[in-house]
Amino acid sequence: MKIPYYPGCTLNTVAKGFDTSARESAILLGFELKELNQWNCCGATFPLTPDNVMGLTAPTKVLSNARKEGDTVTTLCSVCYNVLKRTNKVIRDDKEKRAIVNGFIEEEYDGSLNVIHFLEVLRDRIGFDNVKSAVKRPLKGVKAGAYYGCMLLRPFEDMGIDNAEAPTIFEDLLKALGCEPVEFPNKIECCGAHLAMGNEDVVTKLSGNVLSSAKNKGAEIIVTSCPLCQYNLEKSQQRLAEGSGNTQMPILYFTQLLGLALGQDEGSLGLEKNLFDVRPLLNGRKI
């Protein structure tokens, strides 16, 4: 089985470990993430004003190119997923905007593509029971906090990947890998997002709330599907821990943990790029 795959800009540059761990994990699970023949940046932000039609052109171009390769496209980055899925809905439901955008990109795209997240592929097409059966290195006893952030779930009426207030898709995957999922209050709260570019203090505060919320409930690691969340949590933890001597938690992409559990070659996981290495924790458990 081949599934058309949109990597996006960040996974093609600074988050290569997220990309390569997913591709290798897919192969181990019996399918292939087939990168789109042509793709461009999705814009990284869904237009926040109703009259910003130009902001829809870049993601619509991605969707149009993907539609030429099949009826479904998957992606890993929460932001890309959010932008593509919401744009797809606008193009499908709003004839006036669809006509304007198609005129700009010189395409005839109608919103008929099915945009799904890689987590949905694992849950709905592979099945978490099959993922569990493929695990070669069960991560028994590892207390993992699933951090959803904002973009994967909201707005719920547009995204629909899971229950917006009480999601479980991450936790169900963690259970399949042998982990002990840790419920913590801030798992769907904002990390500060793009404010990292101009207001580091706010990001440190918001990300710090997420980190302390997870730690207070016993989490040893945090997993996420958003490169920006991963960056904000890592950098904020580093700033908060300076001079404190506090233990620092590894912040992983969920595909890195998936790859570890499937017995993937660690060289393709990109763990060395993470600010806080999870391997000493896992090796100490003799997992």
Protein backbone atom coordinates (compact mmCIF):
# COMPACT_ATOMS: atom_id res chain seq x y z
CA MET A 1 0.00 0.00 0.00
CA LYS A 2 1.29 3.42 -0.98
CA ILE A 3 -0.13 6.58 0.57
CA PRO A 4 0.66 9.98 -1.01
CA TYR A 5 2.64 11.95 1.55
CA TYR A 6 3.21 15.67 2.05
CA PRO A 7 6.35 16.23 4.19
CA GLY A 8 6.25 20.03 4.34
CA CYS A 9 9.14 22.43 4.80
CA THR A 10 10.18 21.77 8.39
CA LEU A 11 10.35 18.00 7.99
CA ASN A 12 12.44 18.53 4.90
CA THR A 13 14.97 20.63 6.85
CA VAL A 14 15.36 20.94 10.64
CA ALA A 15 12.99 18.08 11.58
CA LYS A 16 14.41 15.37 9.33
CA GLY A 17 14.24 12.84 12.15
CA PHE A 18 10.47 13.23 12.24
CA ASP A 19 10.33 12.50 8.51
CA THR A 20 12.80 9.61 8.30
CA SER A 21 11.47 7.83 11.39
CA ALA A 22 7.97 7.92 9.92
CA ARG A 23 9.05 6.62 6.52
CA GLU A 24 11.01 3.74 8.03
CA SER A 25 8.22 2.92 10.47
CA ALA A 26 5.73 2.80 7.61
CA ILE A 27 7.89 0.24 5.78
CA LEU A 28 8.12 -1.90 8.91
CA LEU A 29 4.32 -1.77 9.17
CA GLY A 30 3.82 -2.82 5.55
CA PHE A 31 3.11 0.38 3.65
CA GLU A 32 4.94 3.25 1.99
CA LEU A 33 4.74 7.00 2.44
CA LYS A 34 5.09 8.14 -1.17
CA GLU A 35 6.30 11.73 -1.24
CA LEU A 36 4.34 13.94 -3.62
CA ASN A 37 6.06 14.53 -6.93
CA GLN A 38 5.49 18.26 -6.57
CA TRP A 39 4.87 20.20 -3.40
CA ASN A 40 5.37 23.65 -1.97
CA CYS A 41 5.07 25.28 1.45
CA CYS A 42 1.52 25.16 2.82
CA GLY A 43 1.88 28.68 4.21
CA ALA A 44 2.27 27.48 7.81
CA THR A 45 -0.80 29.48 8.96
CA PHE A 46 -4.45 29.20 7.98
CA PRO A 47 -5.80 32.65 7.00
CA LEU A 48 -7.29 34.30 10.08
CA THR A 49 -9.48 36.80 8.24
CA PRO A 50 -12.42 35.74 6.03
CA ASP A 51 -11.37 37.95 3.10
CA ASN A 52 -7.78 36.65 2.93
CA VAL A 53 -8.29 34.49 -0.14
CA MET A 54 -4.68 34.80 -1.22
CA GLY A 55 -3.65 32.93 1.92
CA LEU A 56 -5.47 29.89 0.54
CA THR A 57 -3.50 29.69 -2.71
CA ALA A 58 -0.36 27.94 -1.43
CA PRO A 59 -2.17 25.12 0.44
CA THR A 60 -4.66 24.71 -2.42
CA LYS A 61 -1.77 24.20 -4.82
CA VAL A 62 -0.51 21.42 -2.54
CA LEU A 63 -3.96 19.84 -2.45
CA SER A 64 -4.39 20.09 -6.21
CA ASN A 65 -1.04 18.40 -6.86
CA ALA A 66 -1.84 15.69 -4.32
CA ARG A 67 -5.23 15.03 -5.94
CA LYS A 68 -3.45 14.17 -9.18
CA GLU A 69 -1.73 11.31 -7.36
CA GLY A 70 -4.73 9.83 -5.55
CA ASP A 71 -7.79 10.52 -3.43
CA THR A 72 -5.88 10.78 -0.12
CA VAL A 73 -2.87 12.62 1.24
CA THR A 74 -1.28 12.24 4.65
CA THR A 75 1.07 14.48 6.58
CA LEU A 76 2.90 14.43 9.91
CA CYS A 77 3.23 18.05 11.00
CA SER A 78 0.25 19.26 13.03
CA VAL A 79 0.45 22.71 11.46
CA CYS A 80 0.53 21.37 7.89
CA TYR A 81 -2.35 19.06 8.72
CA ASN A 82 -4.36 21.96 10.16
CA VAL A 83 -3.73 24.26 7.20
CA LEU A 84 -4.37 21.65 4.50
CA LYS A 85 -7.50 20.19 6.07
CA ARG A 86 -9.11 23.56 6.79
CA THR A 87 -8.23 24.88 3.35
CA ASN A 88 -9.67 21.77 1.76
CA LYS A 89 -12.97 22.37 3.54
CA VAL A 90 -13.14 25.98 2.35
CA ILE A 91 -12.43 25.00 -1.25
CA ARG A 92 -15.03 22.23 -1.09
CA ASP A 93 -17.78 24.31 0.55
CA ASP A 94 -17.27 27.87 -0.73
CA LYS A 95 -17.80 28.09 -4.49
CA GLU A 96 -16.88 31.78 -4.68
CA LYS A 97 -13.53 31.39 -2.95
CA ARG A 98 -12.86 28.20 -4.90
CA ALA A 99 -13.27 30.04 -8.17
CA ILE A 100 -10.94 32.86 -7.09
CA VAL A 101 -8.23 30.54 -5.78
CA ASN A 102 -8.39 28.25 -8.80
CA GLY A 103 -8.00 31.30 -11.00
CA PHE A 104 -4.84 32.31 -9.15
CA ILE A 105 -3.22 28.87 -9.24
CA GLU A 106 -4.57 28.03 -12.71
CA GLU A 107 -6.02 24.73 -11.56
CA GLU A 108 -9.49 23.22 -11.23
CA TYR A 109 -9.43 21.78 -7.74
CA ASP A 110 -12.77 21.00 -6.06
CA GLY A 111 -11.84 19.96 -2.51
CA SER A 112 -12.37 16.25 -3.15
CA LEU A 113 -9.09 15.11 -1.57
CA ASN A 114 -9.14 13.24 1.74
CA VAL A 115 -6.61 14.85 4.11
CA ILE A 116 -5.56 12.57 6.96
CA HIS A 117 -2.88 12.68 9.63
CA PHE A 118 -0.32 9.89 9.97
CA LEU A 119 -1.87 9.04 13.34
CA GLU A 120 -5.14 8.38 11.50
CA VAL A 121 -3.31 6.07 9.12
CA LEU A 122 -2.02 4.08 12.08
CA ARG A 123 -5.39 4.01 13.82
CA ASP A 124 -7.83 3.59 10.93
CA ARG A 125 -5.88 1.84 8.18
CA ILE A 126 -3.23 -0.20 9.97
CA GLY A 127 -4.93 -0.54 13.34
CA PHE A 128 -3.24 -0.12 16.70
CA ASP A 129 -3.59 -3.85 17.38
CA ASN A 130 -1.47 -4.53 14.29
CA VAL A 131 1.01 -1.89 15.40
CA LYS A 132 1.25 -3.67 18.75
CA SER A 133 1.86 -6.99 17.00
CA ALA A 134 4.75 -5.44 15.04
CA VAL A 135 6.52 -4.11 18.14
CA LYS A 136 9.93 -5.74 18.69
CA ARG A 137 11.07 -3.60 21.60
CA PRO A 138 8.11 -2.99 23.94
CA LEU A 139 8.66 0.24 25.85
CA LYS A 140 7.35 -1.25 29.07
CA GLY A 141 7.15 1.05 32.04
CA VAL A 142 8.04 4.19 30.10
CA LYS A 143 5.76 6.94 31.38
CA ALA A 144 4.95 9.08 28.35
CA GLY A 145 2.90 12.25 28.23
CA ALA A 146 1.05 12.78 24.94
CA TYR A 147 1.10 16.45 24.05
CA TYR A 148 -1.50 17.38 21.42
CA GLY A 149 -1.14 21.15 21.45
CA CYS A 150 -3.56 23.32 19.48
CA MET A 151 -3.34 22.56 15.79
CA LEU A 152 -4.01 18.83 15.73
CA LEU A 153 -7.47 19.17 17.27
CA ARG A 154 -8.82 22.68 16.72
CA PRO A 155 -11.21 23.81 15.42
CA PHE A 156 -12.90 20.50 16.12
CA GLU A 157 -15.64 21.02 13.54
CA ASP A 158 -12.98 21.24 10.85
CA MET A 159 -10.35 18.78 12.10
CA GLY A 160 -12.37 15.88 13.52
CA ILE A 161 -9.36 13.65 14.22
CA ASP A 162 -10.55 12.95 17.76
CA ASN A 163 -12.57 14.36 20.63
CA ALA A 164 -11.23 17.91 20.98
CA GLU A 165 -11.60 18.04 24.76
CA ALA A 166 -10.70 14.45 25.63
CA PRO A 167 -8.58 12.97 22.82
CA THR A 168 -7.12 9.46 23.11
CA ILE A 169 -5.49 8.73 19.73
CA PHE A 170 -2.01 9.48 21.05
CA GLU A 171 -2.53 7.51 24.24
CA ASP A 172 -3.87 4.52 22.30
CA LEU A 173 -0.71 4.49 20.18
CA LEU A 174 1.48 4.76 23.27
CA LYS A 175 -0.30 1.77 24.81
CA ALA A 176 0.32 -0.23 21.62
CA LEU A 177 4.03 0.54 21.97
CA GLY A 178 4.03 -0.71 25.55
CA CYS A 179 4.28 2.70 27.21
CA GLU A 180 2.31 3.86 30.21
CA PRO A 181 0.40 6.95 28.99
CA VAL A 182 0.32 9.79 31.51
CA GLU A 183 -2.77 11.97 31.61
CA PHE A 184 -1.94 15.59 32.40
CA PRO A 185 -4.19 18.69 32.40
CA ASN A 186 -2.23 20.78 29.86
CA LYS A 187 -1.99 18.20 27.08
CA ILE A 188 -4.23 20.24 24.75
CA GLU A 189 -3.07 23.70 25.82
CA CYS A 190 -0.96 26.06 23.69
CA CYS A 191 2.85 26.04 23.94
CA GLY A 192 3.15 29.61 22.66
CA ALA A 193 3.38 28.67 18.99
CA HIS A 194 4.79 31.37 16.69
CA LEU A 195 5.30 33.80 19.59
CA ALA A 196 8.72 32.16 19.84
CA MET A 197 9.76 34.60 17.13
CA GLY A 198 8.97 37.73 19.14
CA ASN A 199 8.01 37.04 22.75
CA GLU A 200 10.19 34.37 24.28
CA ASP A 201 8.95 35.07 27.80
CA VAL A 202 5.36 34.20 26.93
CA VAL A 203 6.46 31.00 25.20
CA THR A 204 8.60 30.02 28.19
CA LYS A 205 5.65 30.55 30.52
CA LEU A 206 3.13 28.62 28.40
CA SER A 207 5.52 25.81 27.54
CA GLY A 208 6.66 25.71 31.15
CA ASN A 209 3.05 25.15 32.21
CA VAL A 210 2.85 22.17 29.84
CA LEU A 211 6.13 20.75 31.10
CA SER A 212 5.30 21.12 34.79
CA SER A 213 1.82 19.72 34.23
CA ALA A 214 3.30 16.58 32.66
CA LYS A 215 6.09 16.22 35.23
CA ASN A 216 3.70 16.62 38.14
CA LYS A 217 1.71 13.66 36.85
CA GLY A 218 4.81 11.50 36.55
CA ALA A 219 5.75 11.79 32.88
CA GLU A 220 9.34 10.88 32.00
CA ILE A 221 9.08 11.88 28.34
CA ILE A 222 6.74 13.95 26.19
CA VAL A 223 5.73 13.03 22.64
CA THR A 224 4.29 15.40 20.07
CA SER A 225 3.46 15.69 16.38
CA CYS A 226 4.33 19.37 15.97
CA PRO A 227 7.87 20.59 15.18
CA LEU A 228 7.09 24.01 16.63
CA CYS A 229 5.77 22.46 19.85
CA GLN A 230 8.84 20.25 20.06
CA TYR A 231 11.12 23.26 19.63
CA ASN A 232 9.24 25.43 22.13
CA LEU A 233 9.12 22.73 24.79
CA GLU A 234 12.80 21.86 24.40
CA LYS A 235 14.06 25.44 24.42
CA SER A 236 11.75 26.50 27.26
CA GLN A 237 12.82 23.52 29.36
CA GLN A 238 16.44 24.43 28.73
CA ARG A 239 15.87 28.03 29.80
CA LEU A 240 13.90 27.04 32.90
CA ALA A 241 16.45 24.43 33.95
CA GLU A 242 19.52 26.68 33.73
CA GLY A 243 21.20 26.58 37.11
CA SER A 244 18.36 24.63 38.72
CA GLY A 245 19.81 21.14 38.44
CA ASN A 246 16.33 19.78 37.66
CA THR A 247 15.98 16.62 35.59
CA GLN A 248 15.07 17.42 32.01
CA MET A 249 12.59 15.36 30.01
CA PRO A 250 13.23 14.20 26.45
CA ILE A 251 10.72 15.71 23.98
CA LEU A 252 10.25 13.30 21.08
CA TYR A 253 8.27 13.12 17.89
CA PHE A 254 5.83 10.24 18.21
CA THR A 255 7.38 8.56 15.16
CA GLN A 256 10.76 8.45 16.91
CA LEU A 257 9.17 6.48 19.75
CA LEU A 258 7.31 4.35 17.22
CA GLY A 259 10.57 3.60 15.41
CA LEU A 260 12.30 2.62 18.64
CA ALA A 261 9.50 0.22 19.52
CA LEU A 262 9.51 -1.34 16.04
CA GLY A 263 13.23 -2.02 16.30
CA GLN A 264 14.17 0.58 13.73
CA ASP A 265 17.84 1.41 13.19
CA GLU A 266 18.47 4.31 15.57
CA GLY A 267 20.54 6.05 12.90
CA SER A 268 17.37 6.94 10.98
CA LEU A 269 15.50 8.28 14.01
CA GLY A 270 17.36 11.57 14.35
CA LEU A 271 17.59 11.22 18.12
CA GLU A 272 20.99 12.93 18.14
CA LYS A 273 19.26 16.12 16.98
CA ASN A 274 17.00 16.20 20.02
CA LEU A 275 18.15 18.58 22.73
CA PHE A 276 17.52 15.96 25.42
CA ASP A 277 18.46 12.39 24.52
CA VAL A 278 15.96 9.66 25.43
CA ARG A 279 18.42 6.79 25.00
CA PRO A 280 20.01 6.92 28.47
CA LEU A 281 16.53 6.59 30.00
CA LEU A 282 15.60 3.64 27.80
CA ASN A 283 18.97 1.91 28.10
CA GLY A 284 18.82 2.29 31.87
CA ARG A 285 15.60 0.29 31.80
CA LYS A 286 17.20 -2.40 29.61
CA ILE A 287 14.25 -2.13 27.26
